[in-house]
Amino acid sequence: MLMLCDKCNVQGDCRLDKESSKVICPNCGGQVETITPFLVNAMKATRDYIAPSKQGFAFMCPCCAKKQPSVVRRDGKTVICKECKTELPQVSSFMLSTMRNMEIYEE
């Protein structure tokens, strides 16, 4: 929704953060404070949310219970969650070889 930001004083297509229900400016990334609850509800109704960023090589982690970026273990035989280091058994051998070729290894 087109509105004026409080922080950068620039008019932009502000979007709603789905988790926090706060309106975010696309130019400065700050929260727009001068928004009424009625306008927030209208943005929810029209699904005017911030688009989630897509991560490459992200798989559903059984331990974290959310989609996390993944890396190849140093032995080159298994893929693990980058956050909790849990092994991810659902990764195919093709994806494993692609990740090895792109050198996405743990630190």
PDB file of N, CA and C in Angstrom:
ATOM      1  N   MET A   1       0.846  -1.168   0.000  1.00  0.00           N
ATOM      2  CA  MET A   1       0.000   0.000   0.000  1.00  0.00           C
ATOM      3  C   MET A   1       0.896   1.237   0.000  1.00  0.00           C
ATOM      4  N   LEU A   2       0.566   2.205  -0.811  1.00  0.00           N
ATOM      5  CA  LEU A   2       1.363   3.410  -0.970  1.00  0.00           C
ATOM      6  C   LEU A   2       1.146   4.335   0.223  1.00  0.00           C
ATOM      7  N   MET A   3       2.228   4.634   0.952  1.00  0.00           N
ATOM      8  CA  MET A   3       2.129   5.525   2.108  1.00  0.00           C
ATOM      9  C   MET A   3       3.472   6.182   2.383  1.00  0.00           C
ATOM     10  N   LEU A   4       3.452   7.208   3.200  1.00  0.00           N
ATOM     11  CA  LEU A   4       4.631   7.991   3.541  1.00  0.00           C
ATOM     12  C   LEU A   4       5.285   7.419   4.796  1.00  0.00           C
ATOM     13  N   CYS A   5       6.596   7.187   4.713  1.00  0.00           N
ATOM     14  CA  CYS A   5       7.338   6.631   5.854  1.00  0.00           C
ATOM     15  C   CYS A   5       7.648   7.724   6.870  1.00  0.00           C
ATOM     16  N   ASP A   6       7.575   7.379   8.161  1.00  0.00           N
ATOM     17  CA  ASP A   6       7.894   8.321   9.239  1.00  0.00           C
ATOM     18  C   ASP A   6       9.392   8.593   9.310  1.00  0.00           C
ATOM     19  N   LYS A   7      10.188   7.592   9.050  1.00  0.00           N
ATOM     20  CA  LYS A   7      11.637   7.676   9.265  1.00  0.00           C
ATOM     21  C   LYS A   7      12.371   8.353   8.098  1.00  0.00           C
ATOM     22  N   CYS A   8      12.169   7.856   6.867  1.00  0.00           N
ATOM     23  CA  CYS A   8      12.918   8.380   5.720  1.00  0.00           C
ATOM     24  C   CYS A   8      12.153   9.456   4.955  1.00  0.00           C
ATOM     25  N   ASN A   9      10.871   9.675   5.313  1.00  0.00           N
ATOM     26  CA  ASN A   9      10.030  10.695   4.703  1.00  0.00           C
ATOM     27  C   ASN A   9       9.907  10.532   3.184  1.00  0.00           C
ATOM     28  N   VAL A  10       9.865   9.271   2.732  1.00  0.00           N
ATOM     29  CA  VAL A  10       9.717   8.941   1.321  1.00  0.00           C
ATOM     30  C   VAL A  10       8.454   8.119   1.157  1.00  0.00           C
ATOM     31  N   GLN A  11       7.712   8.407   0.093  1.00  0.00           N
ATOM     32  CA  GLN A  11       6.499   7.646  -0.180  1.00  0.00           C
ATOM     33  C   GLN A  11       6.877   6.362  -0.903  1.00  0.00           C
ATOM     34  N   GLY A  12       6.375   5.233  -0.409  1.00  0.00           N
ATOM     35  CA  GLY A  12       6.714   3.949  -1.001  1.00  0.00           C
ATOM     36  C   GLY A  12       5.611   2.923  -0.816  1.00  0.00           C
ATOM     37  N   ASP A  13       5.784   1.784  -1.452  1.00  0.00           N
ATOM     38  CA  ASP A  13       4.814   0.690  -1.381  1.00  0.00           C
ATOM     39  C   ASP A  13       5.114  -0.141  -0.134  1.00  0.00           C
ATOM     40  N   CYS A  14       4.588   0.295   0.998  1.00  0.00           N
ATOM     41  CA  CYS A  14       4.844  -0.367   2.276  1.00  0.00           C
ATOM     42  C   CYS A  14       4.091  -1.688   2.347  1.00  0.00           C
ATOM     43  N   ARG A  15       4.687  -2.637   3.058  1.00  0.00           N
ATOM     44  CA  ARG A  15       4.095  -3.974   3.201  1.00  0.00           C
ATOM     45  C   ARG A  15       4.005  -4.342   4.669  1.00  0.00           C
ATOM     46  N   LEU A  16       3.170  -5.325   4.941  1.00  0.00           N
ATOM     47  CA  LEU A  16       2.928  -5.795   6.296  1.00  0.00           C
ATOM     48  C   LEU A  16       3.800  -7.008   6.591  1.00  0.00           C
ATOM     49  N   ASP A  17       4.476  -6.986   7.743  1.00  0.00           N
ATOM     50  CA  ASP A  17       5.240  -8.152   8.191  1.00  0.00           C
ATOM     51  C   ASP A  17       4.238  -9.144   8.765  1.00  0.00           C
ATOM     52  N   LYS A  18       4.204 -10.343   8.210  1.00  0.00           N
ATOM     53  CA  LYS A  18       3.171 -11.320   8.565  1.00  0.00           C
ATOM     54  C   LYS A  18       3.271 -11.769  10.023  1.00  0.00           C
ATOM     55  N   GLU A  19       4.487 -11.908  10.552  1.00  0.00           N
ATOM     56  CA  GLU A  19       4.648 -12.413  11.912  1.00  0.00           C
ATOM     57  C   GLU A  19       4.383 -11.359  12.977  1.00  0.00           C
ATOM     58  N   SER A  20       4.866 -10.126  12.745  1.00  0.00           N
ATOM     59  CA  SER A  20       4.734  -9.102  13.775  1.00  0.00           C
ATOM     60  C   SER A  20       3.553  -8.157  13.551  1.00  0.00           C
ATOM     61  N   SER A  21       2.907  -8.223  12.386  1.00  0.00           N
ATOM     62  CA  SER A  21       1.797  -7.334  12.014  1.00  0.00           C
ATOM     63  C   SER A  21       2.200  -5.868  12.055  1.00  0.00           C
ATOM     64  N   LYS A  22       3.433  -5.574  11.674  1.00  0.00           N
ATOM     65  CA  LYS A  22       3.931  -4.199  11.604  1.00  0.00           C
ATOM     66  C   LYS A  22       4.148  -3.834  10.145  1.00  0.00           C
ATOM     67  N   VAL A  23       3.867  -2.575   9.820  1.00  0.00           N
ATOM     68  CA  VAL A  23       4.030  -2.084   8.452  1.00  0.00           C
ATOM     69  C   VAL A  23       5.477  -1.639   8.269  1.00  0.00           C
ATOM     70  N   ILE A  24       6.123  -2.146   7.208  1.00  0.00           N
ATOM     71  CA  ILE A  24       7.544  -1.911   6.974  1.00  0.00           C
ATOM     72  C   ILE A  24       7.731  -1.097   5.691  1.00  0.00           C
ATOM     73  N   CYS A  25       8.619  -0.102   5.758  1.00  0.00           N
ATOM     74  CA  CYS A  25       8.947   0.741   4.603  1.00  0.00           C
ATOM     75  C   CYS A  25       9.930  -0.009   3.695  1.00  0.00           C
ATOM     76  N   PRO A  26       9.699  -0.020   2.373  1.00  0.00           N
ATOM     77  CA  PRO A  26      10.624  -0.729   1.478  1.00  0.00           C
ATOM     78  C   PRO A  26      11.932   0.029   1.241  1.00  0.00           C
ATOM     79  N   ASN A  27      11.931   1.338   1.501  1.00  0.00           N
ATOM     80  CA  ASN A  27      13.133   2.146   1.240  1.00  0.00           C
ATOM     81  C   ASN A  27      14.162   2.060   2.362  1.00  0.00           C
ATOM     82  N   CYS A  28      13.706   2.255   3.612  1.00  0.00           N
ATOM     83  CA  CYS A  28      14.658   2.264   4.732  1.00  0.00           C
ATOM     84  C   CYS A  28      14.574   1.004   5.581  1.00  0.00           C
ATOM     85  N   GLY A  29      13.500   0.215   5.452  1.00  0.00           N
ATOM     86  CA  GLY A  29      13.337  -0.995   6.248  1.00  0.00           C
ATOM     87  C   GLY A  29      12.791  -0.733   7.636  1.00  0.00           C
ATOM     88  N   GLY A  30      12.445   0.516   7.936  1.00  0.00           N
ATOM     89  CA  GLY A  30      11.924   0.867   9.252  1.00  0.00           C
ATOM     90  C   GLY A  30      10.432   0.641   9.356  1.00  0.00           C
ATOM     91  N   GLN A  31       9.966   0.634  10.588  1.00  0.00           N
ATOM     92  CA  GLN A  31       8.542   0.438  10.851  1.00  0.00           C
ATOM     93  C   GLN A  31       7.819   1.769  10.686  1.00  0.00           C
ATOM     94  N   VAL A  32       6.692   1.754   9.986  1.00  0.00           N
ATOM     95  CA  VAL A  32       5.854   2.945   9.829  1.00  0.00           C
ATOM     96  C   VAL A  32       4.918   2.997  11.036  1.00  0.00           C
ATOM     97  N   GLU A  33       5.046   4.064  11.835  1.00  0.00           N
ATOM     98  CA  GLU A  33       4.320   4.157  13.103  1.00  0.00           C
ATOM     99  C   GLU A  33       2.909   4.733  12.952  1.00  0.00           C
ATOM    100  N   THR A  34       2.697   5.594  11.962  1.00  0.00           N
ATOM    101  CA  THR A  34       1.424   6.314  11.855  1.00  0.00           C
ATOM    102  C   THR A  34       0.387   5.515  11.079  1.00  0.00           C
ATOM    103  N   ILE A  35       0.157   4.294  11.465  1.00  0.00           N
ATOM    104  CA  ILE A  35      -0.798   3.415  10.810  1.00  0.00           C
ATOM    105  C   ILE A  35      -1.899   3.060  11.806  1.00  0.00           C
ATOM    106  N   THR A  36      -3.125   3.171  11.375  1.00  0.00           N
ATOM    107  CA  THR A  36      -4.244   2.830  12.248  1.00  0.00           C
ATOM    108  C   THR A  36      -4.480   1.316  12.215  1.00  0.00           C
ATOM    109  N   PRO A  37      -5.067   0.770  13.264  1.00  0.00           N
ATOM    110  CA  PRO A  37      -5.403  -0.665  13.254  1.00  0.00           C
ATOM    111  C   PRO A  37      -6.354  -1.034  12.112  1.00  0.00           C
ATOM    112  N   PHE A  38      -7.208  -0.103  11.715  1.00  0.00           N
ATOM    113  CA  PHE A  38      -8.117  -0.346  10.592  1.00  0.00           C
ATOM    114  C   PHE A  38      -7.325  -0.597   9.308  1.00  0.00           C
ATOM    115  N   LEU A  39      -6.281   0.207   9.070  1.00  0.00           N
ATOM    116  CA  LEU A  39      -5.455   0.047   7.874  1.00  0.00           C
ATOM    117  C   LEU A  39      -4.653  -1.257   7.921  1.00  0.00           C
ATOM    118  N   VAL A  40      -4.186  -1.642   9.112  1.00  0.00           N
ATOM    119  CA  VAL A  40      -3.472  -2.919   9.270  1.00  0.00           C
ATOM    120  C   VAL A  40      -4.408  -4.080   8.933  1.00  0.00           C
ATOM    121  N   ASN A  41      -5.649  -4.013   9.404  1.00  0.00           N
ATOM    122  CA  ASN A  41      -6.628  -5.063   9.086  1.00  0.00           C
ATOM    123  C   ASN A  41      -6.953  -5.098   7.597  1.00  0.00           C
ATOM    124  N   ALA A  42      -7.001  -3.929   6.959  1.00  0.00           N
ATOM    125  CA  ALA A  42      -7.249  -3.884   5.517  1.00  0.00           C
ATOM    126  C   ALA A  42      -6.081  -4.505   4.752  1.00  0.00           C
ATOM    127  N   MET A  43      -4.853  -4.276   5.222  1.00  0.00           N
ATOM    128  CA  MET A  43      -3.678  -4.872   4.580  1.00  0.00           C
ATOM    129  C   MET A  43      -3.672  -6.388   4.770  1.00  0.00           C
ATOM    130  N   LYS A  44      -4.135  -6.854   5.914  1.00  0.00           N
ATOM    131  CA  LYS A  44      -4.251  -8.299   6.148  1.00  0.00           C
ATOM    132  C   LYS A  44      -5.305  -8.908   5.216  1.00  0.00           C
ATOM    133  N   ALA A  45      -6.417  -8.199   5.054  1.00  0.00           N
ATOM    134  CA  ALA A  45      -7.499  -8.706   4.212  1.00  0.00           C
ATOM    135  C   ALA A  45      -7.077  -8.802   2.746  1.00  0.00           C
ATOM    136  N   THR A  46      -6.264  -7.848   2.298  1.00  0.00           N
ATOM    137  CA  THR A  46      -5.796  -7.873   0.903  1.00  0.00           C
ATOM    138  C   THR A  46      -4.487  -8.647   0.747  1.00  0.00           C
ATOM    139  N   ARG A  47      -4.009  -9.215   1.846  1.00  0.00           N
ATOM    140  CA  ARG A  47      -2.768 -10.006   1.857  1.00  0.00           C
ATOM    141  C   ARG A  47      -1.587  -9.219   1.288  1.00  0.00           C
ATOM    142  N   ASP A  48      -1.434  -8.015   1.789  1.00  0.00           N
ATOM    143  CA  ASP A  48      -0.364  -7.121   1.367  1.00  0.00           C
ATOM    144  C   ASP A  48       0.871  -7.346   2.245  1.00  0.00           C
ATOM    145  N   TYR A  49       1.389  -8.578   2.214  1.00  0.00           N
ATOM    146  CA  TYR A  49       2.504  -8.974   3.073  1.00  0.00           C
ATOM    147  C   TYR A  49       3.844  -8.815   2.359  1.00  0.00           C
ATOM    148  N   ILE A  50       4.899  -8.783   3.152  1.00  0.00           N
ATOM    149  CA  ILE A  50       6.255  -8.809   2.609  1.00  0.00           C
ATOM    150  C   ILE A  50       6.483 -10.203   2.054  1.00  0.00           C
ATOM    151  N   ALA A  51       7.005 -10.282   0.842  1.00  0.00           N
ATOM    152  CA  ALA A  51       7.278 -11.584   0.227  1.00  0.00           C
ATOM    153  C   ALA A  51       8.432 -12.258   0.966  1.00  0.00           C
ATOM    154  N   PRO A  52       8.277 -13.528   1.356  1.00  0.00           N
ATOM    155  CA  PRO A  52       9.373 -14.204   2.052  1.00  0.00           C
ATOM    156  C   PRO A  52      10.559 -14.413   1.118  1.00  0.00           C
ATOM    157  N   SER A  53      11.741 -14.224   1.658  1.00  0.00           N
ATOM    158  CA  SER A  53      12.944 -14.416   0.839  1.00  0.00           C
ATOM    159  C   SER A  53      13.191 -15.906   0.637  1.00  0.00           C
ATOM    160  N   LYS A  54      13.612 -16.250  -0.553  1.00  0.00           N
ATOM    161  CA  LYS A  54      13.867 -17.654  -0.862  1.00  0.00           C
ATOM    162  C   LYS A  54      15.343 -17.959  -0.636  1.00  0.00           C
ATOM    163  N   GLN A  55      15.592 -19.110  -0.029  1.00  0.00           N
ATOM    164  CA  GLN A  55      16.953 -19.528   0.265  1.00  0.00           C
ATOM    165  C   GLN A  55      17.295 -20.721  -0.609  1.00  0.00           C
ATOM    166  N   GLY A  56      18.491 -20.693  -1.146  1.00  0.00           N
ATOM    167  CA  GLY A  56      18.940 -21.831  -1.918  1.00  0.00           C
ATOM    168  C   GLY A  56      19.378 -22.963  -1.009  1.00  0.00           C
ATOM    169  N   PHE A  57      19.103 -24.189  -1.400  1.00  0.00           N
ATOM    170  CA  PHE A  57      19.488 -25.389  -0.662  1.00  0.00           C
ATOM    171  C   PHE A  57      18.952 -25.371   0.764  1.00  0.00           C
ATOM    172  N   ALA A  58      17.699 -24.979   0.916  1.00  0.00           N
ATOM    173  CA  ALA A  58      17.043 -25.000   2.221  1.00  0.00           C
ATOM    174  C   ALA A  58      16.091 -26.196   2.263  1.00  0.00           C
ATOM    175  N   PHE A  59      16.181 -26.976   3.330  1.00  0.00           N
ATOM    176  CA  PHE A  59      15.356 -28.161   3.503  1.00  0.00           C
ATOM    177  C   PHE A  59      14.675 -28.105   4.858  1.00  0.00           C
ATOM    178  N   MET A  60      13.581 -28.835   4.993  1.00  0.00           N
ATOM    179  CA  MET A  60      12.862 -28.903   6.257  1.00  0.00           C
ATOM    180  C   MET A  60      13.687 -29.694   7.270  1.00  0.00           C
ATOM    181  N   CYS A  61      14.029 -29.061   8.381  1.00  0.00           N
ATOM    182  CA  CYS A  61      14.828 -29.716   9.419  1.00  0.00           C
ATOM    183  C   CYS A  61      13.881 -30.356  10.439  1.00  0.00           C
ATOM    184  N   PRO A  62      14.049 -31.649  10.738  1.00  0.00           N
ATOM    185  CA  PRO A  62      13.166 -32.293  11.715  1.00  0.00           C
ATOM    186  C   PRO A  62      13.384 -31.785  13.138  1.00  0.00           C
ATOM    187  N   CYS A  63      14.582 -31.305  13.432  1.00  0.00           N
ATOM    188  CA  CYS A  63      14.888 -30.821  14.781  1.00  0.00           C
ATOM    189  C   CYS A  63      14.386 -29.389  14.991  1.00  0.00           C
ATOM    190  N   CYS A  64      14.667 -28.505  14.035  1.00  0.00           N
ATOM    191  CA  CYS A  64      14.248 -27.102  14.146  1.00  0.00           C
ATOM    192  C   CYS A  64      12.777 -26.922  13.801  1.00  0.00           C
ATOM    193  N   ALA A  65      12.198 -27.853  13.064  1.00  0.00           N
ATOM    194  CA  ALA A  65      10.805 -27.827  12.606  1.00  0.00           C
ATOM    195  C   ALA A  65      10.513 -26.650  11.693  1.00  0.00           C
ATOM    196  N   LYS A  66      11.512 -26.199  10.935  1.00  0.00           N
ATOM    197  CA  LYS A  66      11.304 -25.184   9.914  1.00  0.00           C
ATOM    198  C   LYS A  66      12.346 -25.330   8.815  1.00  0.00           C
ATOM    199  N   LYS A  67      12.105 -24.655   7.706  1.00  0.00           N
ATOM    200  CA  LYS A  67      13.007 -24.742   6.564  1.00  0.00           C
ATOM    201  C   LYS A  67      14.270 -23.945   6.854  1.00  0.00           C
ATOM    202  N   GLN A  68      15.410 -24.623   6.837  1.00  0.00           N
ATOM    203  CA  GLN A  68      16.682 -24.001   7.174  1.00  0.00           C
ATOM    204  C   GLN A  68      17.674 -24.200   6.033  1.00  0.00           C
ATOM    205  N   PRO A  69      18.640 -23.284   5.884  1.00  0.00           N
ATOM    206  CA  PRO A  69      19.708 -23.529   4.918  1.00  0.00           C
ATOM    207  C   PRO A  69      20.529 -24.742   5.334  1.00  0.00           C
ATOM    208  N   SER A  70      21.023 -25.480   4.350  1.00  0.00           N
ATOM    209  CA  SER A  70      21.747 -26.718   4.635  1.00  0.00           C
ATOM    210  C   SER A  70      23.136 -26.675   4.018  1.00  0.00           C
ATOM    211  N   VAL A  71      24.035 -27.480   4.584  1.00  0.00           N
ATOM    212  CA  VAL A  71      25.402 -27.594   4.079  1.00  0.00           C
ATOM    213  C   VAL A  71      25.802 -29.060   4.035  1.00  0.00           C
ATOM    214  N   VAL A  72      26.848 -29.344   3.268  1.00  0.00           N
ATOM    215  CA  VAL A  72      27.370 -30.699   3.186  1.00  0.00           C
ATOM    216  C   VAL A  72      28.412 -30.874   4.281  1.00  0.00           C
ATOM    217  N   ARG A  73      28.349 -32.004   4.987  1.00  0.00           N
ATOM    218  CA  ARG A  73      29.332 -32.314   6.011  1.00  0.00           C
ATOM    219  C   ARG A  73      30.693 -32.499   5.349  1.00  0.00           C
ATOM    220  N   ARG A  74      31.757 -32.264   6.051  1.00  0.00           N
ATOM    221  CA  ARG A  74      33.116 -32.327   5.496  1.00  0.00           C
ATOM    222  C   ARG A  74      33.448 -33.677   4.879  1.00  0.00           C
ATOM    223  N   ASP A  75      32.832 -34.755   5.344  1.00  0.00           N
ATOM    224  CA  ASP A  75      33.097 -36.066   4.745  1.00  0.00           C
ATOM    225  C   ASP A  75      32.503 -36.185   3.340  1.00  0.00           C
ATOM    226  N   GLY A  76      31.575 -35.261   2.985  1.00  0.00           N
ATOM    227  CA  GLY A  76      30.983 -35.229   1.657  1.00  0.00           C
ATOM    228  C   GLY A  76      29.893 -36.252   1.421  1.00  0.00           C
ATOM    229  N   LYS A  77      29.422 -36.927   2.472  1.00  0.00           N
ATOM    230  CA  LYS A  77      28.440 -37.995   2.298  1.00  0.00           C
ATOM    231  C   LYS A  77      27.057 -37.659   2.823  1.00  0.00           C
ATOM    232  N   THR A  78      26.942 -36.629   3.656  1.00  0.00           N
ATOM    233  CA  THR A  78      25.650 -36.280   4.250  1.00  0.00           C
ATOM    234  C   THR A  78      25.432 -34.771   4.221  1.00  0.00           C
ATOM    235  N   VAL A  79      24.157 -34.392   4.253  1.00  0.00           N
ATOM    236  CA  VAL A  79      23.763 -32.991   4.317  1.00  0.00           C
ATOM    237  C   VAL A  79      23.220 -32.737   5.718  1.00  0.00           C
ATOM    238  N   ILE A  80      23.630 -31.605   6.308  1.00  0.00           N
ATOM    239  CA  ILE A  80      23.196 -31.271   7.668  1.00  0.00           C
ATOM    240  C   ILE A  80      22.569 -29.879   7.691  1.00  0.00           C
ATOM    241  N   CYS A  81      21.754 -29.641   8.699  1.00  0.00           N
ATOM    242  CA  CYS A  81      21.157 -28.333   8.929  1.00  0.00           C
ATOM    243  C   CYS A  81      22.263 -27.371   9.357  1.00  0.00           C
ATOM    244  N   LYS A  82      22.267 -26.187   8.801  1.00  0.00           N
ATOM    245  CA  LYS A  82      23.310 -25.210   9.111  1.00  0.00           C
ATOM    246  C   LYS A  82      23.191 -24.685  10.543  1.00  0.00           C
ATOM    247  N   GLU A  83      21.981 -24.676  11.095  1.00  0.00           N
ATOM    248  CA  GLU A  83      21.756 -24.132  12.436  1.00  0.00           C
ATOM    249  C   GLU A  83      22.057 -25.131  13.553  1.00  0.00           C
ATOM    250  N   CYS A  84      21.429 -26.314  13.491  1.00  0.00           N
ATOM    251  CA  CYS A  84      21.534 -27.258  14.610  1.00  0.00           C
ATOM    252  C   CYS A  84      22.423 -28.471  14.308  1.00  0.00           C
ATOM    253  N   LYS A  85      22.954 -28.561  13.085  1.00  0.00           N
ATOM    254  CA  LYS A  85      23.873 -29.639  12.667  1.00  0.00           C
ATOM    255  C   LYS A  85      23.226 -31.027  12.650  1.00  0.00           C
ATOM    256  N   THR A  86      21.898 -31.098  12.533  1.00  0.00           N
ATOM    257  CA  THR A  86      21.190 -32.369  12.440  1.00  0.00           C
ATOM    258  C   THR A  86      21.274 -32.895  11.013  1.00  0.00           C
ATOM    259  N   GLU A  87      21.482 -34.198  10.875  1.00  0.00           N
ATOM    260  CA  GLU A  87      21.552 -34.800   9.543  1.00  0.00           C
ATOM    261  C   GLU A  87      20.168 -34.800   8.893  1.00  0.00           C
ATOM    262  N   LEU A  88      20.141 -34.473   7.602  1.00  0.00           N
ATOM    263  CA  LEU A  88      18.884 -34.416   6.853  1.00  0.00           C
ATOM    264  C   LEU A  88      18.807 -35.608   5.912  1.00  0.00           C
ATOM    265  N   PRO A  89      18.011 -36.639   6.266  1.00  0.00           N
ATOM    266  CA  PRO A  89      17.970 -37.862   5.469  1.00  0.00           C
ATOM    267  C   PRO A  89      17.170 -37.741   4.170  1.00  0.00           C
ATOM    268  N   GLN A  90      16.316 -36.711   4.035  1.00  0.00           N
ATOM    269  CA  GLN A  90      15.431 -36.624   2.879  1.00  0.00           C
ATOM    270  C   GLN A  90      16.112 -36.038   1.641  1.00  0.00           C
ATOM    271  N   VAL A  91      17.382 -35.648   1.712  1.00  0.00           N
ATOM    272  CA  VAL A  91      18.083 -35.038   0.583  1.00  0.00           C
ATOM    273  C   VAL A  91      18.521 -36.131  -0.394  1.00  0.00           C
ATOM    274  N   SER A  92      18.193 -35.944  -1.659  1.00  0.00           N
ATOM    275  CA  SER A  92      18.517 -36.951  -2.680  1.00  0.00           C
ATOM    276  C   SER A  92      20.008 -36.934  -3.004  1.00  0.00           C
ATOM    277  N   SER A  93      20.476 -38.014  -3.606  1.00  0.00           N
ATOM    278  CA  SER A  93      21.893 -38.099  -3.980  1.00  0.00           C
ATOM    279  C   SER A  93      22.244 -37.077  -5.057  1.00  0.00           C
ATOM    280  N   PHE A  94      21.288 -36.777  -5.941  1.00  0.00           N
ATOM    281  CA  PHE A  94      21.513 -35.757  -6.964  1.00  0.00           C
ATOM    282  C   PHE A  94      21.750 -34.391  -6.326  1.00  0.00           C
ATOM    283  N   MET A  95      20.925 -34.034  -5.327  1.00  0.00           N
ATOM    284  CA  MET A  95      21.082 -32.749  -4.640  1.00  0.00           C
ATOM    285  C   MET A  95      22.385 -32.701  -3.855  1.00  0.00           C
ATOM    286  N   LEU A  96      22.760 -33.824  -3.253  1.00  0.00           N
ATOM    287  CA  LEU A  96      24.026 -33.908  -2.531  1.00  0.00           C
ATOM    288  C   LEU A  96      25.195 -33.664  -3.478  1.00  0.00           C
ATOM    289  N   SER A  97      25.183 -34.284  -4.653  1.00  0.00           N
ATOM    290  CA  SER A  97      26.287 -34.087  -5.591  1.00  0.00           C
ATOM    291  C   SER A  97      26.300 -32.654  -6.133  1.00  0.00           C
ATOM    292  N   THR A  98      25.128 -32.050  -6.315  1.00  0.00           N
ATOM    293  CA  THR A  98      25.064 -30.652  -6.745  1.00  0.00           C
ATOM    294  C   THR A  98      25.654 -29.734  -5.689  1.00  0.00           C
ATOM    295  N   MET A  99      25.327 -29.978  -4.420  1.00  0.00           N
ATOM    296  CA  MET A  99      25.875 -29.160  -3.337  1.00  0.00           C
ATOM    297  C   MET A  99      27.383 -29.345  -3.210  1.00  0.00           C
ATOM    298  N   ARG A 100      27.867 -30.580  -3.447  1.00  0.00           N
ATOM    299  CA  ARG A 100      29.326 -30.809  -3.428  1.00  0.00           C
ATOM    300  C   ARG A 100      30.003 -30.066  -4.562  1.00  0.00           C
ATOM    301  N   ASN A 101      29.400 -30.086  -5.758  1.00  0.00           N
ATOM    302  CA  ASN A 101      29.979 -29.389  -6.902  1.00  0.00           C
ATOM    303  C   ASN A 101      30.032 -27.881  -6.696  1.00  0.00           C
ATOM    304  N   MET A 102      29.041 -27.348  -5.983  1.00  0.00           N
ATOM    305  CA  MET A 102      29.019 -25.917  -5.701  1.00  0.00           C
ATOM    306  C   MET A 102      29.807 -25.564  -4.440  1.00  0.00           C
ATOM    307  N   GLU A 103      30.399 -26.578  -3.820  1.00  0.00           N
ATOM    308  CA  GLU A 103      31.253 -26.430  -2.624  1.00  0.00           C
ATOM    309  C   GLU A 103      30.540 -25.740  -1.472  1.00  0.00           C
ATOM    310  N   ILE A 104      29.355 -26.250  -1.139  1.00  0.00           N
ATOM    311  CA  ILE A 104      28.594 -25.740   0.000  1.00  0.00           C
ATOM    312  C   ILE A 104      28.871 -26.642   1.191  1.00  0.00           C
ATOM    313  N   TYR A 105      30.012 -26.417   1.824  1.00  0.00           N
ATOM    314  CA  TYR A 105      30.454 -27.250   2.945  1.00  0.00           C
ATOM    315  C   TYR A 105      30.323 -26.494   4.258  1.00  0.00           C
ATOM    316  N   GLU A 106      30.286 -27.240   5.343  1.00  0.00           N
ATOM    317  CA  GLU A 106      30.244 -26.603   6.666  1.00  0.00           C
ATOM    318  C   GLU A 106      31.602 -25.977   6.973  1.00  0.00           C
ATOM    319  N   GLU A 107      31.569 -24.969   7.837  1.00  0.00           N
ATOM    320  CA  GLU A 107      32.822 -24.308   8.224  1.00  0.00           C
ATOM    321  C   GLU A 107      33.628 -25.143   9.159  1.00  0.00           C
TER     322      GLU A 107
END
